[in-house]
PDB file of N, CA and C in Angstrom:
ATOM      1  N   UNK A   1     164.283  59.322  15.502  1.00  0.00           N
ATOM      2  CA  UNK A   1     165.538  58.926  14.620  1.00  0.00           C
ATOM      3  C   UNK A   1     165.896  57.212  15.894  1.00  0.00           C
ATOM      4  N   UNK A   2     165.715  57.340  17.114  1.00  0.00           N
ATOM      5  CA  UNK A   2     166.179  56.271  17.551  1.00  0.00           C
ATOM      6  C   UNK A   2     166.071  54.722  17.498  1.00  0.00           C
ATOM      7  N   UNK A   3     164.532  54.846  17.268  1.00  0.00           N
ATOM      8  CA  UNK A   3     163.836  53.899  16.834  1.00  0.00           C
ATOM      9  C   UNK A   3     164.463  53.244  15.834  1.00  0.00           C
ATOM     10  N   UNK A   4     164.568  53.640  14.649  1.00  0.00           N
ATOM     11  CA  UNK A   4     164.574  53.391  13.611  1.00  0.00           C
ATOM     12  C   UNK A   4     165.975  52.927  13.584  1.00  0.00           C
ATOM     13  N   UNK A   5     167.270  53.151  14.410  1.00  0.00           N
ATOM     14  CA  UNK A   5     168.477  52.374  14.072  1.00  0.00           C
ATOM     15  C   UNK A   5     167.924  51.118  15.461  1.00  0.00           C
ATOM     16  N   UNK A   6     167.292  51.328  16.211  1.00  0.00           N
ATOM     17  CA  UNK A   6     167.049  50.132  17.067  1.00  0.00           C
ATOM     18  C   UNK A   6     166.360  49.218  16.094  1.00  0.00           C
ATOM     19  N   UNK A   7     165.831  49.638  15.332  1.00  0.00           N
ATOM     20  CA  UNK A   7     164.827  48.319  14.369  1.00  0.00           C
ATOM     21  C   UNK A   7     165.905  48.061  13.379  1.00  0.00           C
ATOM     22  N   UNK A   8     166.681  48.932  12.814  1.00  0.00           N
ATOM     23  CA  UNK A   8     167.742  48.228  11.850  1.00  0.00           C
ATOM     24  C   UNK A   8     168.701  47.167  12.728  1.00  0.00           C
ATOM     25  N   UNK A   9     168.906  47.947  13.725  1.00  0.00           N
ATOM     26  CA  UNK A   9     170.021  47.191  14.744  1.00  0.00           C
ATOM     27  C   UNK A   9     169.760  45.693  14.966  1.00  0.00           C
ATOM     28  N   UNK A  10     168.311  45.689  14.875  1.00  0.00           N
ATOM     29  CA  UNK A  10     167.606  44.499  15.854  1.00  0.00           C
ATOM     30  C   UNK A  10     167.247  43.448  14.110  1.00  0.00           C
ATOM     31  N   UNK A  11     167.846  43.776  12.999  1.00  0.00           N
ATOM     32  CA  UNK A  11     167.170  43.564  11.744  1.00  0.00           C
ATOM     33  C   UNK A  11     168.598  42.943  11.488  1.00  0.00           C
ATOM     34  N   UNK A  12     169.115  43.333  11.796  1.00  0.00           N
ATOM     35  CA  UNK A  12     171.024  43.022  11.396  1.00  0.00           C
ATOM     36  C   UNK A  12     171.172  41.878  12.352  1.00  0.00           C
ATOM     37  N   UNK A  13     171.142  42.076  13.754  1.00  0.00           N
ATOM     38  CA  UNK A  13     171.105  40.939  14.555  1.00  0.00           C
ATOM     39  C   UNK A  13     170.870  39.369  14.660  1.00  0.00           C
ATOM     40  N   UNK A  14     169.631  40.073  13.886  1.00  0.00           N
ATOM     41  CA  UNK A  14     168.356  38.239  13.420  1.00  0.00           C
ATOM     42  C   UNK A  14     169.368  38.032  12.197  1.00  0.00           C
ATOM     43  N   UNK A  15     169.943  38.748  11.442  1.00  0.00           N
ATOM     44  CA  UNK A  15     170.587  38.420  10.041  1.00  0.00           C
ATOM     45  C   UNK A  15     172.016  37.370  10.087  1.00  0.00           C
ATOM     46  N   UNK A  16     172.233  37.933  11.380  1.00  0.00           N
ATOM     47  CA  UNK A  16     173.802  37.473  12.053  1.00  0.00           C
ATOM     48  C   UNK A  16     173.486  36.453  12.768  1.00  0.00           C
ATOM     49  N   UNK A  17     172.101  36.370  13.401  1.00  0.00           N
ATOM     50  CA  UNK A  17     171.672  34.964  13.855  1.00  0.00           C
ATOM     51  C   UNK A  17     172.005  34.319  13.284  1.00  0.00           C
ATOM     52  N   UNK A  18     170.941  34.341  11.670  1.00  0.00           N
ATOM     53  CA  UNK A  18     170.709  33.253  10.606  1.00  0.00           C
ATOM     54  C   UNK A  18     172.622  33.008  10.151  1.00  0.00           C
ATOM     55  N   UNK A  19     172.824  33.855   9.951  1.00  0.00           N
ATOM     56  CA  UNK A  19     174.262  33.204   9.040  1.00  0.00           C
ATOM     57  C   UNK A  19     175.232  32.611  10.291  1.00  0.00           C
ATOM     58  N   UNK A  20     175.396  32.327  11.695  1.00  0.00           N
ATOM     59  CA  UNK A  20     175.717  31.723  12.148  1.00  0.00           C
ATOM     60  C   UNK A  20     175.424  30.309  12.354  1.00  0.00           C
ATOM     61  N   UNK A  21     173.947  30.401  12.350  1.00  0.00           N
ATOM     62  CA  UNK A  21     173.189  29.091  11.488  1.00  0.00           C
ATOM     63  C   UNK A  21     173.116  28.227  10.945  1.00  0.00           C
ATOM     64  N   UNK A  22     173.837  28.718   9.462  1.00  0.00           N
ATOM     65  CA  UNK A  22     173.829  27.479   8.618  1.00  0.00           C
ATOM     66  C   UNK A  22     174.237  26.345   8.326  1.00  0.00           C
ATOM     67  N   UNK A  23     174.928  26.098   9.389  1.00  0.00           N
ATOM     68  CA  UNK A  23     175.465  24.676   9.359  1.00  0.00           C
ATOM     69  C   UNK A  23     173.981  23.796   9.924  1.00  0.00           C
ATOM     70  N   UNK A  24     173.329  24.229  10.520  1.00  0.00           N
ATOM     71  CA  UNK A  24     172.227  23.684  11.122  1.00  0.00           C
ATOM     72  C   UNK A  24     171.123  23.441  10.087  1.00  0.00           C
ATOM     73  N   UNK A  25     171.134  24.796   9.432  1.00  0.00           N
ATOM     74  CA  UNK A  25     170.105  25.043   7.069  1.00  0.00           C
ATOM     75  C   UNK A  25     170.493  23.464   7.239  1.00  0.00           C
ATOM     76  N   UNK A  26     171.774  23.281   6.538  1.00  0.00           N
ATOM     77  CA  UNK A  26     172.024  22.192   6.297  1.00  0.00           C
ATOM     78  C   UNK A  26     171.704  20.788   7.033  1.00  0.00           C
ATOM     79  N   UNK A  27     172.376  21.098   7.613  1.00  0.00           N
ATOM     80  CA  UNK A  27     171.555  19.216   8.626  1.00  0.00           C
ATOM     81  C   UNK A  27     170.570  19.204   8.971  1.00  0.00           C
ATOM     82  N   UNK A  28     169.697  20.265   8.367  1.00  0.00           N
ATOM     83  CA  UNK A  28     168.365  20.028   8.425  1.00  0.00           C
ATOM     84  C   UNK A  28     167.526  19.460   7.420  1.00  0.00           C
ATOM     85  N   UNK A  29     168.191  20.246   6.628  1.00  0.00           N
ATOM     86  CA  UNK A  29     168.077  19.274   4.855  1.00  0.00           C
ATOM     87  C   UNK A  29     168.397  18.388   4.859  1.00  0.00           C
ATOM     88  N   UNK A  30     169.635  18.134   5.194  1.00  0.00           N
ATOM     89  CA  UNK A  30     170.028  16.429   5.063  1.00  0.00           C
ATOM     90  C   UNK A  30     169.337  15.333   5.495  1.00  0.00           C
ATOM     91  N   UNK A  31     168.805  15.730   6.679  1.00  0.00           N
ATOM     92  CA  UNK A  31     168.101  14.962   7.506  1.00  0.00           C
ATOM     93  C   UNK A  31     167.017  14.721   6.838  1.00  0.00           C
ATOM     94  N   UNK A  32     165.915  15.938   6.457  1.00  0.00           N
ATOM     95  CA  UNK A  32     164.690  15.525   5.876  1.00  0.00           C
ATOM     96  C   UNK A  32     164.729  14.829   4.653  1.00  0.00           C
ATOM     97  N   UNK A  33     165.805  15.330   3.797  1.00  0.00           N
ATOM     98  CA  UNK A  33     165.959  13.916   2.388  1.00  0.00           C
ATOM     99  C   UNK A  33     166.346  13.045   2.729  1.00  0.00           C
ATOM    100  N   UNK A  34     166.799  12.657   3.563  1.00  0.00           N
ATOM    101  CA  UNK A  34     167.584  11.274   3.954  1.00  0.00           C
ATOM    102  C   UNK A  34     165.697  10.422   4.821  1.00  0.00           C
ATOM    103  N   UNK A  35     165.488  11.370   5.423  1.00  0.00           N
ATOM    104  CA  UNK A  35     164.547  10.568   6.032  1.00  0.00           C
ATOM    105  C   UNK A  35     163.101  10.387   5.302  1.00  0.00           C
ATOM    106  N   UNK A  36     163.173  11.478   4.337  1.00  0.00           N
ATOM    107  CA  UNK A  36     161.923  11.558   3.557  1.00  0.00           C
ATOM    108  C   UNK A  36     162.073  10.935   2.188  1.00  0.00           C
ATOM    109  N   UNK A  37     163.359  11.261   1.691  1.00  0.00           N
ATOM    110  CA  UNK A  37     163.214   9.953   0.237  1.00  0.00           C
ATOM    111  C   UNK A  37     163.922   8.737   0.215  1.00  0.00           C
ATOM    112  N   UNK A  38     164.463   8.564   1.385  1.00  0.00           N
ATOM    113  CA  UNK A  38     165.582   6.789   1.481  1.00  0.00           C
ATOM    114  C   UNK A  38     164.737   6.587   2.244  1.00  0.00           C
ATOM    115  N   UNK A  39     164.457   6.496   3.477  1.00  0.00           N
ATOM    116  CA  UNK A  39     163.586   5.916   4.691  1.00  0.00           C
ATOM    117  C   UNK A  39     162.285   5.980   4.514  1.00  0.00           C
ATOM    118  N   UNK A  40     161.860   6.745   3.901  1.00  0.00           N
ATOM    119  CA  UNK A  40     159.762   7.009   3.100  1.00  0.00           C
ATOM    120  C   UNK A  40     159.400   7.135   4.296  1.00  0.00           C
ATOM    121  N   UNK A  41     159.753   8.045   5.151  1.00  0.00           N
ATOM    122  CA  UNK A  41     159.125   8.915   6.612  1.00  0.00           C
ATOM    123  C   UNK A  41     157.873   9.669   5.979  1.00  0.00           C
ATOM    124  N   UNK A  42     156.968  10.205   7.028  1.00  0.00           N
ATOM    125  CA  UNK A  42     156.076  10.457   6.510  1.00  0.00           C
ATOM    126  C   UNK A  42     156.440  12.214   6.625  1.00  0.00           C
ATOM    127  N   UNK A  43     156.237  12.988   5.415  1.00  0.00           N
ATOM    128  CA  UNK A  43     156.572  14.077   5.039  1.00  0.00           C
ATOM    129  C   UNK A  43     156.889  15.312   6.413  1.00  0.00           C
ATOM    130  N   UNK A  44     155.609  15.937   6.639  1.00  0.00           N
ATOM    131  CA  UNK A  44     154.955  16.491   7.527  1.00  0.00           C
ATOM    132  C   UNK A  44     155.520  16.949   8.713  1.00  0.00           C
ATOM    133  N   UNK A  45     155.591  15.216   9.333  1.00  0.00           N
ATOM    134  CA  UNK A  45     156.263  15.764  11.052  1.00  0.00           C
ATOM    135  C   UNK A  45     158.107  15.576  10.386  1.00  0.00           C
ATOM    136  N   UNK A  46     158.214  15.041   9.517  1.00  0.00           N
ATOM    137  CA  UNK A  46     160.169  15.158   9.345  1.00  0.00           C
ATOM    138  C   UNK A  46     160.001  16.926   9.046  1.00  0.00           C
ATOM    139  N   UNK A  47     159.360  17.272   8.418  1.00  0.00           N
ATOM    140  CA  UNK A  47     159.497  18.646   7.813  1.00  0.00           C
ATOM    141  C   UNK A  47     158.976  19.721   9.246  1.00  0.00           C
ATOM    142  N   UNK A  48     158.236  19.531  10.013  1.00  0.00           N
ATOM    143  CA  UNK A  48     157.765  20.079  11.133  1.00  0.00           C
ATOM    144  C   UNK A  48     158.902  20.113  12.098  1.00  0.00           C
ATOM    145  N   UNK A  49     159.793  19.239  12.358  1.00  0.00           N
ATOM    146  CA  UNK A  49     160.782  18.684  13.059  1.00  0.00           C
ATOM    147  C   UNK A  49     161.638  19.597  12.812  1.00  0.00           C
ATOM    148  N   UNK A  50     162.552  18.942  11.710  1.00  0.00           N
ATOM    149  CA  UNK A  50     163.598  20.137  11.359  1.00  0.00           C
ATOM    150  C   UNK A  50     163.911  21.456  11.283  1.00  0.00           C
ATOM    151  N   UNK A  51     161.954  21.979  10.784  1.00  0.00           N
ATOM    152  CA  UNK A  51     162.090  23.459  10.581  1.00  0.00           C
ATOM    153  C   UNK A  51     162.291  23.920  12.449  1.00  0.00           C
ATOM    154  N   UNK A  52     161.449  23.212  13.356  1.00  0.00           N
ATOM    155  CA  UNK A  52     161.577  23.626  14.541  1.00  0.00           C
ATOM    156  C   UNK A  52     162.624  23.667  14.853  1.00  0.00           C
ATOM    157  N   UNK A  53     163.178  23.031  14.654  1.00  0.00           N
ATOM    158  CA  UNK A  53     164.825  22.478  15.238  1.00  0.00           C
ATOM    159  C   UNK A  53     165.921  23.630  14.793  1.00  0.00           C
ATOM    160  N   UNK A  54     165.712  24.403  13.468  1.00  0.00           N
ATOM    161  CA  UNK A  54     166.012  25.334  13.804  1.00  0.00           C
ATOM    162  C   UNK A  54     165.909  26.467  13.697  1.00  0.00           C
ATOM    163  N   UNK A  55     164.507  26.809  13.802  1.00  0.00           N
ATOM    164  CA  UNK A  55     163.696  28.159  14.430  1.00  0.00           C
ATOM    165  C   UNK A  55     164.070  28.244  15.591  1.00  0.00           C
ATOM    166  N   UNK A  56     164.267  27.118  16.543  1.00  0.00           N
ATOM    167  CA  UNK A  56     164.793  27.109  17.938  1.00  0.00           C
ATOM    168  C   UNK A  56     166.228  27.801  17.728  1.00  0.00           C
ATOM    169  N   UNK A  57     166.910  26.989  17.273  1.00  0.00           N
ATOM    170  CA  UNK A  57     168.217  27.590  17.237  1.00  0.00           C
ATOM    171  C   UNK A  57     168.591  28.910  16.377  1.00  0.00           C
ATOM    172  N   UNK A  58     168.031  29.277  15.535  1.00  0.00           N
ATOM    173  CA  UNK A  58     168.294  30.739  15.023  1.00  0.00           C
ATOM    174  C   UNK A  58     167.436  31.619  16.464  1.00  0.00           C
ATOM    175  N   UNK A  59     166.744  31.944  16.693  1.00  0.00           N
ATOM    176  CA  UNK A  59     165.608  32.345  17.886  1.00  0.00           C
ATOM    177  C   UNK A  59     166.711  32.628  18.873  1.00  0.00           C
ATOM    178  N   UNK A  60     167.430  31.203  19.003  1.00  0.00           N
ATOM    179  CA  UNK A  60     168.446  31.036  20.511  1.00  0.00           C
ATOM    180  C   UNK A  60     169.642  32.254  20.354  1.00  0.00           C
ATOM    181  N   UNK A  61     170.227  32.415  19.020  1.00  0.00           N
ATOM    182  CA  UNK A  61     171.321  32.911  18.780  1.00  0.00           C
ATOM    183  C   UNK A  61     170.886  34.558  18.091  1.00  0.00           C
ATOM    184  N   UNK A  62     169.621  34.848  18.377  1.00  0.00           N
ATOM    185  CA  UNK A  62     169.250  35.934  17.985  1.00  0.00           C
ATOM    186  C   UNK A  62     169.128  36.817  19.405  1.00  0.00           C
ATOM    187  N   UNK A  63     168.540  36.461  20.644  1.00  0.00           N
ATOM    188  CA  UNK A  63     168.056  36.481  22.051  1.00  0.00           C
ATOM    189  C   UNK A  63     169.658  36.630  22.525  1.00  0.00           C
ATOM    190  N   UNK A  64     170.752  35.741  22.057  1.00  0.00           N
ATOM    191  CA  UNK A  64     171.606  35.536  22.498  1.00  0.00           C
ATOM    192  C   UNK A  64     172.740  37.169  22.447  1.00  0.00           C
ATOM    193  N   UNK A  65     172.504  37.361  20.652  1.00  0.00           N
ATOM    194  CA  UNK A  65     173.169  38.844  20.215  1.00  0.00           C
ATOM    195  C   UNK A  65     172.159  40.238  20.515  1.00  0.00           C
ATOM    196  N   UNK A  66     171.195  39.910  21.086  1.00  0.00           N
ATOM    197  CA  UNK A  66     170.473  41.067  21.302  1.00  0.00           C
ATOM    198  C   UNK A  66     170.682  41.251  22.530  1.00  0.00           C
ATOM    199  N   UNK A  67     170.274  40.592  23.548  1.00  0.00           N
ATOM    200  CA  UNK A  67     170.756  41.102  24.731  1.00  0.00           C
ATOM    201  C   UNK A  67     172.319  41.384  25.204  1.00  0.00           C
ATOM    202  N   UNK A  68     173.262  40.680  24.447  1.00  0.00           N
ATOM    203  CA  UNK A  68     174.616  41.363  24.782  1.00  0.00           C
ATOM    204  C   UNK A  68     174.868  42.677  25.129  1.00  0.00           C
ATOM    205  N   UNK A  69     173.769  43.615  24.028  1.00  0.00           N
ATOM    206  CA  UNK A  69     174.049  44.770  23.722  1.00  0.00           C
ATOM    207  C   UNK A  69     173.689  45.295  25.145  1.00  0.00           C
TER     208      UNK A  69
END
């Protein structure tokens, strides 16, 4: 039972980390839409860059939340 509760705690910590970074998701989406739609930038590098930045932020928040316990 201990391992199941630990997995649930880690899952909820990840969800909370994603919720805390909502602004990052919105900003990355706005930058991607503007760069691709308005400035005609190549889509692959823009999407990879915005997605990578948000991923790093979420994992950073997740690590802070898990290591705090």
